[in-house]
């Protein structure tokens, strides 16, 4: 019930905002451009901050990820499934990095190649240049992180090998356990 109320409030706020944007387009073109730039900025910044907060809030490191799954669900796992889990984690990380990199590069290049048009609609002549500079810094951060991806993969692999070793130990222990219990029942029976 609470989730649907929040969903309807978000839809209502978005509808009011779109109506305000339409009204400014009709009456004041300069205010419309400012609101449109604000909307684009919000559309970029809010999902990035939201994603970052979700990642920070989720305290699952690769060590916790593999160990928790192996300890709780070892009877259903094998080494091939653990390898597939690693591949999924790396693919998700790679997709996130390159999607944001492409998105940021596209916006930055669009503003950079249309700098004169952007200045025409902005009261501050340096605002488009500032947007390009922030975009270039963001691109550099994502490029650096994409080069750092190899180190992340090595850390993930180390944890995967530890998890595989622990999985083998648990499976061996579970295989030995029923044999011991049947031998005890035979000697006592």
N, C-alpha and C. Protein backbone atom coordinates (compact mmCIF):
# COMPACT_ATOMS: atom_id res chain seq x y z
N UNK A 1 0.82 -1.19 0.00
CA UNK A 1 0.00 0.00 0.00
C UNK A 1 0.86 1.25 0.00
N UNK A 2 1.91 1.23 0.84
CA UNK A 2 2.78 2.40 0.93
C UNK A 2 3.56 2.60 -0.36
N UNK A 3 3.98 1.50 -0.98
CA UNK A 3 4.71 1.58 -2.24
C UNK A 3 3.88 2.17 -3.36
N UNK A 4 2.58 1.84 -3.42
CA UNK A 4 1.73 2.40 -4.46
C UNK A 4 1.47 3.88 -4.24
N UNK A 5 1.39 4.31 -2.97
CA UNK A 5 1.22 5.73 -2.69
C UNK A 5 2.43 6.52 -3.16
N UNK A 6 3.61 5.99 -2.89
CA UNK A 6 4.83 6.66 -3.32
C UNK A 6 4.89 6.71 -4.84
N UNK A 7 4.49 5.62 -5.49
CA UNK A 7 4.50 5.57 -6.94
C UNK A 7 3.56 6.62 -7.53
N UNK A 8 2.36 6.75 -6.95
CA UNK A 8 1.41 7.75 -7.43
C UNK A 8 1.88 9.17 -7.15
N UNK A 9 2.55 9.39 -6.04
CA UNK A 9 3.10 10.71 -5.75
C UNK A 9 4.20 11.08 -6.75
N UNK A 10 5.02 10.12 -7.10
CA UNK A 10 6.07 10.38 -8.09
C UNK A 10 5.45 10.70 -9.45
N UNK A 11 4.43 9.94 -9.84
CA UNK A 11 3.76 10.18 -11.12
C UNK A 11 3.10 11.56 -11.12
N UNK A 12 2.46 11.93 -10.00
CA UNK A 12 1.83 13.24 -9.90
C UNK A 12 2.86 14.35 -9.97
N UNK A 13 3.98 14.21 -9.28
CA UNK A 13 5.03 15.23 -9.32
C UNK A 13 5.60 15.36 -10.72
N UNK A 14 5.78 14.24 -11.40
CA UNK A 14 6.29 14.28 -12.76
C UNK A 14 5.29 14.95 -13.70
N UNK A 15 4.01 14.68 -13.53
CA UNK A 15 2.98 15.30 -14.36
C UNK A 15 2.94 16.81 -14.13
N UNK A 16 3.00 17.24 -12.88
CA UNK A 16 3.00 18.68 -12.58
C UNK A 16 4.23 19.34 -13.19
N UNK A 17 5.37 18.67 -13.08
CA UNK A 17 6.60 19.21 -13.64
C UNK A 17 6.50 19.34 -15.16
N UNK A 18 5.95 18.34 -15.83
CA UNK A 18 5.81 18.39 -17.28
C UNK A 18 4.83 19.48 -17.71
N UNK A 19 3.77 19.68 -16.93
CA UNK A 19 2.82 20.76 -17.23
C UNK A 19 3.51 22.11 -17.06
N UNK A 20 4.32 22.25 -16.00
CA UNK A 20 5.06 23.50 -15.79
C UNK A 20 6.06 23.72 -16.93
N UNK A 21 6.70 22.67 -17.37
CA UNK A 21 7.65 22.77 -18.48
C UNK A 21 6.93 23.20 -19.76
N UNK A 22 5.77 22.64 -20.02
CA UNK A 22 4.98 23.01 -21.19
C UNK A 22 4.53 24.47 -21.10
N UNK A 23 4.10 24.90 -19.92
CA UNK A 23 3.66 26.28 -19.75
C UNK A 23 4.82 27.26 -19.96
N UNK A 24 5.98 26.92 -19.47
CA UNK A 24 7.12 27.81 -19.70
C UNK A 24 7.54 27.83 -21.16
N UNK A 25 7.34 26.72 -21.84
CA UNK A 25 7.66 26.69 -23.27
C UNK A 25 6.74 27.63 -24.03
N UNK A 26 5.48 27.66 -23.64
CA UNK A 26 4.52 28.50 -24.33
C UNK A 26 4.74 29.98 -24.01
N UNK A 27 5.01 30.29 -22.73
CA UNK A 27 5.07 31.69 -22.33
C UNK A 27 6.48 32.29 -22.31
N UNK A 28 7.44 31.59 -21.80
CA UNK A 28 8.80 32.12 -21.68
C UNK A 28 9.79 31.08 -22.20
N UNK A 29 10.33 31.33 -23.37
CA UNK A 29 11.22 30.37 -24.00
C UNK A 29 12.54 30.24 -23.23
N UNK A 30 13.07 31.32 -22.69
CA UNK A 30 14.34 31.29 -21.96
C UNK A 30 14.20 30.46 -20.69
N UNK A 31 13.10 30.61 -19.98
CA UNK A 31 12.87 29.81 -18.77
C UNK A 31 12.72 28.35 -19.13
N UNK A 32 12.10 28.10 -20.28
CA UNK A 32 11.96 26.72 -20.75
C UNK A 32 13.33 26.08 -20.97
N UNK A 33 14.25 26.80 -21.59
CA UNK A 33 15.59 26.26 -21.84
C UNK A 33 16.29 25.97 -20.52
N UNK A 34 16.16 26.89 -19.56
CA UNK A 34 16.78 26.67 -18.25
C UNK A 34 16.18 25.45 -17.56
N UNK A 35 14.87 25.31 -17.60
CA UNK A 35 14.22 24.14 -17.00
C UNK A 35 14.60 22.86 -17.72
N UNK A 36 14.76 22.93 -19.02
CA UNK A 36 15.16 21.76 -19.79
C UNK A 36 16.58 21.35 -19.42
N UNK A 37 17.49 22.31 -19.33
CA UNK A 37 18.85 21.99 -18.90
C UNK A 37 18.87 21.44 -17.49
N UNK A 38 18.05 22.01 -16.61
CA UNK A 38 17.94 21.50 -15.25
C UNK A 38 17.41 20.07 -15.26
N UNK A 39 16.45 19.80 -16.11
CA UNK A 39 15.89 18.45 -16.21
C UNK A 39 16.93 17.45 -16.69
N UNK A 40 17.72 17.85 -17.67
CA UNK A 40 18.77 16.96 -18.18
C UNK A 40 19.80 16.70 -17.09
N UNK A 41 20.18 17.76 -16.37
CA UNK A 41 21.14 17.61 -15.29
C UNK A 41 20.59 16.68 -14.21
N UNK A 42 19.35 16.87 -13.83
CA UNK A 42 18.73 16.01 -12.82
C UNK A 42 18.64 14.57 -13.33
N UNK A 43 18.31 14.40 -14.60
CA UNK A 43 18.21 13.05 -15.18
C UNK A 43 19.56 12.34 -15.19
N UNK A 44 20.64 13.09 -15.20
CA UNK A 44 21.96 12.48 -15.15
C UNK A 44 22.42 12.26 -13.72
N UNK A 45 22.25 13.28 -12.89
CA UNK A 45 22.80 13.25 -11.54
C UNK A 45 22.02 12.32 -10.61
N UNK A 46 20.72 12.39 -10.62
CA UNK A 46 19.90 11.61 -9.68
C UNK A 46 20.11 10.10 -9.86
N UNK A 47 20.03 9.53 -11.08
CA UNK A 47 20.28 8.09 -11.19
C UNK A 47 21.70 7.69 -10.77
N UNK A 48 22.67 8.56 -11.06
CA UNK A 48 24.04 8.24 -10.66
C UNK A 48 24.16 8.21 -9.14
N UNK A 49 23.62 9.22 -8.48
CA UNK A 49 23.66 9.26 -7.01
C UNK A 49 22.85 8.10 -6.42
N UNK A 50 21.69 7.83 -6.99
CA UNK A 50 20.85 6.73 -6.50
C UNK A 50 21.59 5.41 -6.61
N UNK A 51 22.23 5.18 -7.77
CA UNK A 51 22.97 3.93 -7.96
C UNK A 51 24.13 3.85 -6.97
N UNK A 52 24.85 4.96 -6.81
CA UNK A 52 25.98 4.96 -5.88
C UNK A 52 25.51 4.65 -4.46
N UNK A 53 24.41 5.25 -4.04
CA UNK A 53 23.88 4.99 -2.70
C UNK A 53 23.44 3.55 -2.54
N UNK A 54 22.86 2.99 -3.58
CA UNK A 54 22.46 1.58 -3.53
C UNK A 54 23.67 0.66 -3.40
N UNK A 55 24.74 0.99 -4.12
CA UNK A 55 25.95 0.18 -4.05
C UNK A 55 26.59 0.29 -2.68
N UNK A 56 26.65 1.53 -2.15
CA UNK A 56 27.25 1.74 -0.83
C UNK A 56 26.40 1.08 0.25
N UNK A 57 25.09 1.14 0.09
CA UNK A 57 24.18 0.56 1.06
C UNK A 57 24.25 -0.97 1.05
N UNK A 58 24.58 -1.52 -0.08
CA UNK A 58 24.67 -2.97 -0.22
C UNK A 58 26.08 -3.41 0.16
N UNK A 59 26.27 -3.95 1.36
CA UNK A 59 27.63 -4.22 1.81
C UNK A 59 28.20 -5.56 1.34
N UNK A 60 27.74 -6.05 0.24
CA UNK A 60 28.19 -7.36 -0.20
C UNK A 60 29.46 -7.19 -1.03
N UNK A 61 30.56 -7.55 -0.43
CA UNK A 61 31.81 -7.61 -1.18
C UNK A 61 31.87 -8.96 -1.86
N UNK A 62 32.87 -9.13 -2.69
CA UNK A 62 32.97 -10.42 -3.38
C UNK A 62 33.22 -11.54 -2.37
N UNK A 63 33.94 -11.23 -1.30
CA UNK A 63 34.21 -12.23 -0.26
C UNK A 63 32.90 -12.66 0.40
N UNK A 64 32.08 -11.71 0.80
CA UNK A 64 30.80 -12.03 1.45
C UNK A 64 29.86 -12.72 0.47
N UNK A 65 29.90 -12.29 -0.78
CA UNK A 65 29.00 -12.84 -1.80
C UNK A 65 29.22 -14.34 -1.98
N UNK A 66 30.46 -14.72 -2.24
CA UNK A 66 30.73 -16.13 -2.50
C UNK A 66 30.62 -16.97 -1.23
N UNK A 67 31.16 -16.49 -0.14
CA UNK A 67 31.14 -17.28 1.10
C UNK A 67 29.72 -17.50 1.61
N UNK A 68 28.90 -16.47 1.55
CA UNK A 68 27.52 -16.60 2.01
C UNK A 68 26.78 -17.64 1.19
N UNK A 69 26.92 -17.54 -0.11
CA UNK A 69 26.20 -18.48 -0.99
C UNK A 69 26.72 -19.90 -0.80
N UNK A 70 28.04 -20.04 -0.70
CA UNK A 70 28.61 -21.39 -0.54
C UNK A 70 28.20 -21.99 0.79
N UNK A 71 28.25 -21.22 1.86
CA UNK A 71 27.90 -21.73 3.18
C UNK A 71 26.42 -22.12 3.27
N UNK A 72 25.56 -21.34 2.66
CA UNK A 72 24.13 -21.59 2.78
C UNK A 72 23.59 -22.60 1.77
N UNK A 73 24.11 -22.57 0.56
CA UNK A 73 23.52 -23.37 -0.52
C UNK A 73 24.52 -24.32 -1.17
N UNK A 74 25.45 -24.84 -0.42
CA UNK A 74 26.52 -25.66 -1.01
C UNK A 74 25.99 -26.93 -1.68
N UNK A 75 24.89 -27.49 -1.19
CA UNK A 75 24.40 -28.73 -1.78
C UNK A 75 23.87 -28.53 -3.20
N UNK A 76 23.53 -27.29 -3.57
CA UNK A 76 23.00 -27.03 -4.91
C UNK A 76 24.06 -26.48 -5.86
N UNK A 77 25.24 -26.20 -5.36
CA UNK A 77 26.27 -25.54 -6.15
C UNK A 77 27.31 -26.52 -6.68
N UNK A 78 27.95 -26.12 -7.75
CA UNK A 78 29.15 -26.78 -8.23
C UNK A 78 30.08 -25.69 -8.76
N UNK A 79 31.27 -26.08 -9.15
CA UNK A 79 32.27 -25.10 -9.58
C UNK A 79 31.85 -24.35 -10.84
N UNK A 80 31.16 -25.01 -11.74
CA UNK A 80 30.71 -24.34 -12.96
C UNK A 80 29.71 -23.23 -12.66
N UNK A 81 28.83 -23.47 -11.69
CA UNK A 81 27.87 -22.44 -11.32
C UNK A 81 28.56 -21.25 -10.66
N UNK A 82 29.57 -21.51 -9.85
CA UNK A 82 30.33 -20.42 -9.25
C UNK A 82 31.04 -19.59 -10.32
N UNK A 83 31.55 -20.26 -11.32
CA UNK A 83 32.21 -19.54 -12.42
C UNK A 83 31.20 -18.68 -13.18
N UNK A 84 30.01 -19.20 -13.39
CA UNK A 84 28.95 -18.41 -14.06
C UNK A 84 28.57 -17.19 -13.22
N UNK A 85 28.54 -17.37 -11.90
CA UNK A 85 28.24 -16.24 -11.02
C UNK A 85 29.31 -15.16 -11.14
N UNK A 86 30.57 -15.57 -11.22
CA UNK A 86 31.66 -14.62 -11.41
C UNK A 86 31.50 -13.89 -12.74
N UNK A 87 31.20 -14.63 -13.79
CA UNK A 87 31.02 -14.01 -15.10
C UNK A 87 29.89 -12.99 -15.09
N UNK A 88 28.79 -13.30 -14.38
CA UNK A 88 27.67 -12.36 -14.29
C UNK A 88 28.08 -11.09 -13.54
N UNK A 89 28.80 -11.23 -12.43
CA UNK A 89 29.23 -10.07 -11.66
C UNK A 89 30.16 -9.18 -12.48
N UNK A 90 31.09 -9.78 -13.19
CA UNK A 90 32.03 -9.00 -14.01
C UNK A 90 31.30 -8.35 -15.18
N UNK A 91 30.39 -9.07 -15.80
CA UNK A 91 29.63 -8.50 -16.92
C UNK A 91 28.78 -7.32 -16.45
N UNK A 92 28.15 -7.44 -15.29
CA UNK A 92 27.36 -6.32 -14.77
C UNK A 92 28.22 -5.10 -14.50
N UNK A 93 29.38 -5.31 -13.92
CA UNK A 93 30.29 -4.21 -13.64
C UNK A 93 30.78 -3.57 -14.93
N UNK A 94 31.16 -4.39 -15.87
CA UNK A 94 31.64 -3.88 -17.16
C UNK A 94 30.54 -3.12 -17.89
N UNK A 95 29.33 -3.65 -17.91
CA UNK A 95 28.21 -2.98 -18.57
C UNK A 95 27.91 -1.63 -17.92
N UNK A 96 27.96 -1.58 -16.59
CA UNK A 96 27.72 -0.32 -15.89
C UNK A 96 28.76 0.72 -16.28
N UNK A 97 30.02 0.34 -16.26
CA UNK A 97 31.10 1.28 -16.56
C UNK A 97 30.97 1.81 -17.98
N UNK A 98 30.82 0.92 -18.94
CA UNK A 98 30.82 1.36 -20.33
C UNK A 98 29.51 2.04 -20.73
N UNK A 99 28.41 1.70 -20.10
CA UNK A 99 27.16 2.40 -20.40
C UNK A 99 27.24 3.85 -19.93
N UNK A 100 27.69 4.07 -18.70
CA UNK A 100 27.83 5.44 -18.21
C UNK A 100 28.91 6.19 -18.98
N UNK A 101 29.97 5.52 -19.36
CA UNK A 101 31.02 6.17 -20.13
C UNK A 101 30.49 6.63 -21.49
N UNK A 102 29.74 5.78 -22.17
CA UNK A 102 29.17 6.15 -23.47
C UNK A 102 28.14 7.27 -23.31
N UNK A 103 27.32 7.18 -22.27
CA UNK A 103 26.31 8.21 -22.02
C UNK A 103 26.96 9.55 -21.76
N UNK A 104 27.94 9.58 -20.89
CA UNK A 104 28.64 10.81 -20.55
C UNK A 104 29.41 11.36 -21.75
N UNK A 105 30.05 10.49 -22.50
CA UNK A 105 30.80 10.94 -23.69
C UNK A 105 29.86 11.53 -24.73
N UNK A 106 28.70 10.94 -24.91
CA UNK A 106 27.74 11.44 -25.89
C UNK A 106 27.26 12.84 -25.52
N UNK A 107 26.89 13.02 -24.27
CA UNK A 107 26.41 14.34 -23.83
C UNK A 107 27.52 15.37 -23.91
N UNK A 108 28.71 15.00 -23.46
CA UNK A 108 29.83 15.94 -23.48
C UNK A 108 30.19 16.35 -24.90
N UNK A 109 30.25 15.39 -25.80
CA UNK A 109 30.57 15.71 -27.18
C UNK A 109 29.47 16.53 -27.85
N UNK A 110 28.23 16.25 -27.52
CA UNK A 110 27.12 17.02 -28.09
C UNK A 110 27.22 18.49 -27.67
N UNK A 111 27.52 18.72 -26.41
CA UNK A 111 27.66 20.10 -25.94
C UNK A 111 28.92 20.73 -26.53
N UNK A 112 30.02 19.97 -26.58
CA UNK A 112 31.28 20.52 -27.08
C UNK A 112 31.18 20.91 -28.56
N UNK A 113 30.53 20.10 -29.37
CA UNK A 113 30.43 20.42 -30.79
C UNK A 113 29.38 21.48 -31.08
N UNK A 114 28.47 21.70 -30.16
CA UNK A 114 27.44 22.72 -30.33
C UNK A 114 27.59 23.81 -29.27
N UNK A 115 28.81 24.18 -29.00
CA UNK A 115 29.10 25.15 -27.94
C UNK A 115 28.49 26.52 -28.24
N UNK A 116 28.53 26.92 -29.48
CA UNK A 116 27.97 28.22 -29.83
C UNK A 116 26.46 28.25 -29.63
N UNK A 117 25.79 27.18 -30.02
CA UNK A 117 24.34 27.09 -29.81
C UNK A 117 24.00 27.05 -28.32
N UNK A 118 24.81 26.30 -27.55
CA UNK A 118 24.57 26.22 -26.11
C UNK A 118 24.77 27.58 -25.45
N UNK A 119 25.76 28.32 -25.91
CA UNK A 119 25.97 29.67 -25.36
C UNK A 119 24.84 30.61 -25.75
N UNK A 120 24.26 30.37 -26.89
CA UNK A 120 23.17 31.23 -27.37
C UNK A 120 21.96 31.14 -26.44
N UNK A 121 21.71 29.97 -25.88
CA UNK A 121 20.55 29.77 -25.01
C UNK A 121 20.87 29.91 -23.53
N UNK A 122 22.10 30.16 -23.20
CA UNK A 122 22.50 30.29 -21.80
C UNK A 122 22.86 31.75 -21.53
N UNK A 123 22.42 32.26 -20.38
CA UNK A 123 22.77 33.63 -20.00
C UNK A 123 24.23 33.71 -19.58
N UNK A 124 24.74 32.65 -19.01
CA UNK A 124 26.14 32.61 -18.59
C UNK A 124 26.94 31.98 -19.72
N UNK A 125 27.92 32.70 -20.24
CA UNK A 125 28.70 32.20 -21.37
C UNK A 125 29.59 31.02 -21.00
N UNK A 126 29.90 30.89 -19.72
CA UNK A 126 30.82 29.84 -19.30
C UNK A 126 30.11 28.56 -18.83
N UNK A 127 28.79 28.60 -18.75
CA UNK A 127 28.06 27.41 -18.30
C UNK A 127 28.25 26.21 -19.24
N UNK A 128 28.13 26.37 -20.57
CA UNK A 128 28.38 25.22 -21.45
C UNK A 128 29.80 24.69 -21.35
N UNK A 129 30.77 25.61 -21.19
CA UNK A 129 32.16 25.18 -21.05
C UNK A 129 32.32 24.41 -19.75
N UNK A 130 31.66 24.86 -18.69
CA UNK A 130 31.69 24.15 -17.41
C UNK A 130 31.08 22.76 -17.55
N UNK A 131 29.99 22.65 -18.29
CA UNK A 131 29.36 21.34 -18.53
C UNK A 131 30.32 20.41 -19.26
N UNK A 132 31.02 20.93 -20.26
CA UNK A 132 31.98 20.12 -21.01
C UNK A 132 33.13 19.70 -20.10
N UNK A 133 33.61 20.62 -19.27
CA UNK A 133 34.71 20.30 -18.36
C UNK A 133 34.30 19.22 -17.36
N UNK A 134 33.11 19.34 -16.79
CA UNK A 134 32.60 18.32 -15.86
C UNK A 134 32.44 16.97 -16.59
N UNK A 135 31.96 17.02 -17.82
CA UNK A 135 31.84 15.79 -18.61
C UNK A 135 33.18 15.14 -18.88
N UNK A 136 34.19 15.94 -19.19
CA UNK A 136 35.53 15.39 -19.45
C UNK A 136 36.10 14.77 -18.18
N UNK A 137 35.89 15.42 -17.04
CA UNK A 137 36.36 14.85 -15.77
C UNK A 137 35.64 13.53 -15.49
N UNK A 138 34.34 13.49 -15.73
CA UNK A 138 33.58 12.25 -15.55
C UNK A 138 34.07 11.15 -16.48
N UNK A 139 34.36 11.51 -17.71
CA UNK A 139 34.88 10.52 -18.67
C UNK A 139 36.21 9.98 -18.19
N UNK A 140 37.07 10.86 -17.70
CA UNK A 140 38.38 10.42 -17.20
C UNK A 140 38.23 9.47 -16.02
N UNK A 141 37.27 9.74 -15.14
CA UNK A 141 37.03 8.86 -14.00
C UNK A 141 36.60 7.48 -14.47
N UNK A 142 35.66 7.41 -15.41
CA UNK A 142 35.19 6.12 -15.89
C UNK A 142 36.26 5.38 -16.70
N UNK A 143 37.09 6.11 -17.45
CA UNK A 143 38.18 5.46 -18.17
C UNK A 143 39.18 4.87 -17.18
N UNK A 144 39.51 5.63 -16.14
CA UNK A 144 40.41 5.11 -15.10
C UNK A 144 39.81 3.86 -14.46
N UNK A 145 38.52 3.91 -14.15
CA UNK A 145 37.89 2.76 -13.52
C UNK A 145 37.84 1.56 -14.47
N UNK A 146 37.71 1.83 -15.78
CA UNK A 146 37.72 0.71 -16.72
C UNK A 146 39.10 0.05 -16.78
N UNK A 147 40.17 0.84 -16.61
CA UNK A 147 41.51 0.24 -16.54
C UNK A 147 41.70 -0.50 -15.23
N UNK A 148 41.03 -0.06 -14.21
CA UNK A 148 41.13 -0.70 -12.90
C UNK A 148 40.31 -1.99 -12.85
N UNK A 149 39.51 -2.23 -13.84
CA UNK A 149 38.64 -3.41 -13.87
C UNK A 149 39.43 -4.71 -13.78
N UNK A 150 40.64 -4.74 -14.34
CA UNK A 150 41.46 -5.95 -14.26
C UNK A 150 41.80 -6.29 -12.82
N UNK A 151 42.10 -5.29 -12.03
CA UNK A 151 42.40 -5.54 -10.62
C UNK A 151 41.17 -6.04 -9.89
N UNK A 152 40.02 -5.50 -10.22
CA UNK A 152 38.78 -5.98 -9.61
C UNK A 152 38.53 -7.44 -9.97
N UNK A 153 38.83 -7.80 -11.20
CA UNK A 153 38.64 -9.19 -11.64
C UNK A 153 39.59 -10.12 -10.89
N UNK A 154 40.83 -9.68 -10.67
CA UNK A 154 41.78 -10.51 -9.92
C UNK A 154 41.30 -10.73 -8.50
N UNK A 155 40.79 -9.68 -7.87
CA UNK A 155 40.25 -9.81 -6.50
C UNK A 155 39.07 -10.78 -6.50
N UNK A 156 38.20 -10.65 -7.50
CA UNK A 156 37.05 -11.56 -7.60
C UNK A 156 37.51 -13.01 -7.80
N UNK A 157 38.53 -13.20 -8.63
CA UNK A 157 39.03 -14.55 -8.88
C UNK A 157 39.62 -15.18 -7.62
N UNK A 158 40.35 -14.39 -6.83
CA UNK A 158 40.90 -14.91 -5.59
C UNK A 158 39.79 -15.39 -4.67
N UNK A 159 38.75 -14.59 -4.55
CA UNK A 159 37.63 -14.98 -3.71
C UNK A 159 36.89 -16.18 -4.29
N UNK A 160 36.81 -16.25 -5.61
CA UNK A 160 36.16 -17.40 -6.25
C UNK A 160 36.93 -18.68 -5.95
N UNK A 161 38.27 -18.63 -6.02
CA UNK A 161 39.07 -19.83 -5.73
C UNK A 161 38.90 -20.26 -4.28
N UNK A 162 38.83 -19.29 -3.37
CA UNK A 162 38.60 -19.64 -1.96
C UNK A 162 37.22 -20.27 -1.79
N UNK A 163 36.24 -19.72 -2.49
CA UNK A 163 34.88 -20.27 -2.40
C UNK A 163 34.82 -21.68 -2.99
N UNK A 164 35.54 -21.92 -4.08
CA UNK A 164 35.57 -23.26 -4.67
C UNK A 164 36.21 -24.26 -3.72
N UNK A 165 37.28 -23.82 -3.07
CA UNK A 165 37.94 -24.69 -2.10
C UNK A 165 37.01 -25.01 -0.94
N UNK A 166 36.31 -24.00 -0.45
CA UNK A 166 35.36 -24.20 0.66
C UNK A 166 34.20 -25.09 0.20
N UNK A 167 33.74 -24.91 -1.01
CA UNK A 167 32.66 -25.75 -1.54
C UNK A 167 33.09 -27.20 -1.60
N UNK A 168 34.30 -27.45 -2.07
CA UNK A 168 34.81 -28.83 -2.11
C UNK A 168 34.90 -29.43 -0.71
N UNK A 169 35.35 -28.62 0.27
CA UNK A 169 35.42 -29.10 1.65
C UNK A 169 34.03 -29.45 2.18
N UNK A 170 33.06 -28.58 1.95
CA UNK A 170 31.70 -28.82 2.44
C UNK A 170 31.08 -30.05 1.77
N UNK A 171 31.29 -30.18 0.48
CA UNK A 171 30.73 -31.35 -0.23
C UNK A 171 31.39 -32.63 0.25
N UNK A 172 32.69 -32.60 0.47
CA UNK A 172 33.40 -33.78 0.96
C UNK A 172 32.92 -34.14 2.36
N UNK A 173 32.73 -33.12 3.19
CA UNK A 173 32.25 -33.35 4.55
C UNK A 173 30.83 -33.91 4.55
N UNK A 174 29.98 -33.38 3.66
CA UNK A 174 28.61 -33.89 3.60
C UNK A 174 28.56 -35.31 3.02
N UNK A 175 29.50 -35.63 2.13
CA UNK A 175 29.56 -36.99 1.60
C UNK A 175 30.05 -37.97 2.66
N UNK A 176 31.00 -37.56 3.50
CA UNK A 176 31.53 -38.42 4.55
C UNK A 176 30.52 -38.61 5.68
N UNK A 177 29.70 -37.62 5.95
CA UNK A 177 28.77 -37.65 7.08
C UNK A 177 27.74 -38.78 6.99
N UNK A 178 27.04 -38.97 5.88
CA UNK A 178 26.07 -40.07 5.82
C UNK A 178 26.72 -41.44 5.93
N UNK A 179 27.93 -41.61 5.42
CA UNK A 179 28.61 -42.90 5.52
C UNK A 179 28.92 -43.21 6.99
N UNK A 180 29.34 -42.21 7.75
CA UNK A 180 29.62 -42.42 9.17
C UNK A 180 28.36 -42.78 9.94
N UNK A 181 27.25 -42.13 9.63
CA UNK A 181 26.01 -42.41 10.36
C UNK A 181 25.48 -43.81 10.05
N UNK A 182 25.66 -44.32 8.82
CA UNK A 182 25.21 -45.68 8.52
C UNK A 182 26.08 -46.72 9.16
N UNK A 183 27.41 -46.44 9.27
CA UNK A 183 28.28 -47.39 9.94
C UNK A 183 27.97 -47.47 11.43
N UNK A 184 27.64 -46.32 12.03
CA UNK A 184 27.30 -46.32 13.46
C UNK A 184 26.01 -47.07 13.71
N UNK A 185 25.06 -46.94 12.80
CA UNK A 185 23.79 -47.64 13.01
C UNK A 185 23.96 -49.15 12.83
N UNK A 186 24.89 -49.58 11.99
CA UNK A 186 25.14 -51.01 11.80
C UNK A 186 25.80 -51.62 13.02
N UNK A 187 26.76 -50.90 13.61
CA UNK A 187 27.47 -51.44 14.76
C UNK A 187 26.59 -51.47 16.00
N UNK A 188 25.70 -50.50 16.13
CA UNK A 188 24.80 -50.46 17.27
C UNK A 188 23.58 -51.36 17.10
N UNK A 189 23.28 -51.71 15.87
CA UNK A 189 22.07 -52.46 15.60
C UNK A 189 22.21 -53.90 15.61
